[in-house]
Amino acid sequence: MPIYEYRCDSCGSQKEHLQKLSDPVLSICPECGKESYRKMLSAAGFQLKGSGWYATDFKGGDKSSKPADLPPCQGGTASCACNPG
């Protein structure tokens, strides 16, 4: 879910909001209540949830475990399709 950064033109309040892509853009400042709350252009931010590939394959874990070695090319040369030479 994306994290959007907003800033109020009236009072200068600046906050981040976790929103779905389908959520409407916020326009009312939670601090002063004026309709001058604007989405800022900033670096993309998002939050990963659940037990998908990121959580199981890349997030933390044992860094010493490596994938199994690939078998050598047939014929023992480097001229096969998987390793052009």
C-alpha atoms as a PDB file:
ATOM      1  CA  MET A   1       0.000   0.000   0.000  1.00  0.00           C
ATOM      2  CA  PRO A   2       1.519   3.386  -0.971  1.00  0.00           C
ATOM      3  CA  ILE A   3       2.509   5.988   1.593  1.00  0.00           C
ATOM      4  CA  TYR A   4       1.693   9.527   0.448  1.00  0.00           C
ATOM      5  CA  GLU A   5       3.093  12.729   1.888  1.00  0.00           C
ATOM      6  CA  TYR A   6       0.772  15.724   2.333  1.00  0.00           C
ATOM      7  CA  ARG A   7       1.367  19.335   3.326  1.00  0.00           C
ATOM      8  CA  CYS A   8      -1.080  22.084   4.287  1.00  0.00           C
ATOM      9  CA  ASP A   9      -0.609  25.386   2.444  1.00  0.00           C
ATOM     10  CA  SER A  10      -2.321  27.282   5.298  1.00  0.00           C
ATOM     11  CA  CYS A  11      -0.673  26.039   8.497  1.00  0.00           C
ATOM     12  CA  GLY A  12       2.380  24.175   7.123  1.00  0.00           C
ATOM     13  CA  SER A  13       1.451  20.865   8.739  1.00  0.00           C
ATOM     14  CA  GLN A  14       3.116  17.935   6.960  1.00  0.00           C
ATOM     15  CA  LYS A  15       2.178  14.259   7.408  1.00  0.00           C
ATOM     16  CA  GLU A  16       2.386  10.863   5.739  1.00  0.00           C
ATOM     17  CA  HIS A  17      -0.765   8.852   5.046  1.00  0.00           C
ATOM     18  CA  LEU A  18      -1.025   5.153   4.180  1.00  0.00           C
ATOM     19  CA  GLN A  19      -3.660   4.957   1.425  1.00  0.00           C
ATOM     20  CA  LYS A  20      -4.925   2.531  -1.170  1.00  0.00           C
ATOM     21  CA  LEU A  21      -4.499   3.538  -4.801  1.00  0.00           C
ATOM     22  CA  SER A  22      -8.294   3.722  -5.045  1.00  0.00           C
ATOM     23  CA  ASP A  23      -8.659   6.060  -2.007  1.00  0.00           C
ATOM     24  CA  PRO A  24      -9.609   9.665  -2.793  1.00  0.00           C
ATOM     25  CA  VAL A  25      -6.958  12.384  -2.472  1.00  0.00           C
ATOM     26  CA  LEU A  26      -7.128  14.132   0.914  1.00  0.00           C
ATOM     27  CA  SER A  27      -7.928  17.854   0.792  1.00  0.00           C
ATOM     28  CA  ILE A  28      -8.875  18.857   4.355  1.00  0.00           C
ATOM     29  CA  CYS A  29      -5.996  19.446   6.783  1.00  0.00           C
ATOM     30  CA  PRO A  30      -6.300  17.332   9.958  1.00  0.00           C
ATOM     31  CA  GLU A  31      -4.599  20.127  11.988  1.00  0.00           C
ATOM     32  CA  CYS A  32      -6.357  23.346  10.967  1.00  0.00           C
ATOM     33  CA  GLY A  33      -9.402  21.955   9.115  1.00  0.00           C
ATOM     34  CA  LYS A  34      -8.893  24.136   6.033  1.00  0.00           C
ATOM     35  CA  GLU A  35      -9.231  22.774   2.520  1.00  0.00           C
ATOM     36  CA  SER A  36      -5.613  23.459   1.577  1.00  0.00           C
ATOM     37  CA  TYR A  37      -4.095  19.996   2.154  1.00  0.00           C
ATOM     38  CA  ARG A  38      -2.075  18.965  -0.910  1.00  0.00           C
ATOM     39  CA  LYS A  39      -0.276  15.789  -1.906  1.00  0.00           C
ATOM     40  CA  MET A  40       3.468  16.366  -2.241  1.00  0.00           C
ATOM     41  CA  LEU A  41       5.677  14.981  -4.955  1.00  0.00           C
ATOM     42  CA  SER A  42       8.236  12.819  -3.170  1.00  0.00           C
ATOM     43  CA  ALA A  43      10.122   9.544  -3.478  1.00  0.00           C
ATOM     44  CA  ALA A  44       7.902   6.505  -3.719  1.00  0.00           C
ATOM     45  CA  GLY A  45       7.114   4.839  -0.416  1.00  0.00           C
ATOM     46  CA  PHE A  46       5.217   1.633   0.191  1.00  0.00           C
ATOM     47  CA  GLN A  47       4.656  -0.969   2.869  1.00  0.00           C
ATOM     48  CA  LEU A  48       4.878  -4.710   2.254  1.00  0.00           C
ATOM     49  CA  LYS A  49       2.523  -6.945   4.220  1.00  0.00           C
ATOM     50  CA  GLY A  50       1.819 -10.646   4.318  1.00  0.00           C
ATOM     51  CA  SER A  51       3.995 -13.663   3.669  1.00  0.00           C
ATOM     52  CA  GLY A  52       4.824 -13.131  -0.001  1.00  0.00           C
ATOM     53  CA  TRP A  53       8.160 -13.513  -1.768  1.00  0.00           C
ATOM     54  CA  TYR A  54       9.699 -10.485  -0.029  1.00  0.00           C
ATOM     55  CA  ALA A  55       9.027 -11.773   3.481  1.00  0.00           C
ATOM     56  CA  THR A  56      10.116 -15.306   2.722  1.00  0.00           C
ATOM     57  CA  ASP A  57      13.038 -14.783   0.332  1.00  0.00           C
ATOM     58  CA  PHE A  58      14.689 -11.423   1.011  1.00  0.00           C
ATOM     59  CA  LYS A  59      13.620  -9.925   4.340  1.00  0.00           C
ATOM     60  CA  GLY A  60      16.274 -10.756   6.938  1.00  0.00           C
ATOM     61  CA  GLY A  61      16.872 -14.449   7.311  1.00  0.00           C
ATOM     62  CA  ASP A  62      20.082 -16.424   7.171  1.00  0.00           C
ATOM     63  CA  LYS A  63      22.509 -14.674   4.828  1.00  0.00           C
ATOM     64  CA  SER A  64      24.836 -17.696   4.706  1.00  0.00           C
ATOM     65  CA  SER A  65      22.405 -19.918   2.820  1.00  0.00           C
ATOM     66  CA  LYS A  66      23.033 -19.836  -0.922  1.00  0.00           C
ATOM     67  CA  PRO A  67      21.066 -21.382  -3.782  1.00  0.00           C
ATOM     68  CA  ALA A  68      22.227 -24.776  -4.976  1.00  0.00           C
ATOM     69  CA  ASP A  69      24.941 -24.774  -7.644  1.00  0.00           C
ATOM     70  CA  LEU A  70      23.677 -25.110 -11.187  1.00  0.00           C
ATOM     71  CA  PRO A  71      24.670 -28.291 -13.028  1.00  0.00           C
ATOM     72  CA  PRO A  72      27.474 -27.889 -15.590  1.00  0.00           C
ATOM     73  CA  CYS A  73      26.589 -27.497 -19.243  1.00  0.00           C
ATOM     74  CA  GLN A  74      26.446 -30.708 -21.250  1.00  0.00           C
ATOM     75  CA  GLY A  75      29.817 -31.554 -22.719  1.00  0.00           C
ATOM     76  CA  GLY A  76      31.584 -29.497 -20.030  1.00  0.00           C
ATOM     77  CA  THR A  77      32.142 -26.502 -22.319  1.00  0.00           C
ATOM     78  CA  ALA A  78      30.936 -22.967 -22.033  1.00  0.00           C
ATOM     79  CA  SER A  79      29.322 -22.978 -25.463  1.00  0.00           C
ATOM     80  CA  CYS A  80      25.843 -24.151 -24.501  1.00  0.00           C
ATOM     81  CA  ALA A  81      22.741 -21.905 -24.552  1.00  0.00           C
ATOM     82  CA  CYS A  82      22.733 -21.357 -20.765  1.00  0.00           C
ATOM     83  CA  ASN A  83      26.283 -19.965 -20.743  1.00  0.00           C
ATOM     84  CA  PRO A  84      27.361 -18.687 -24.163  1.00  0.00           C
ATOM     85  CA  GLY A  85      31.065 -18.379 -24.545  1.00  0.00           C
END
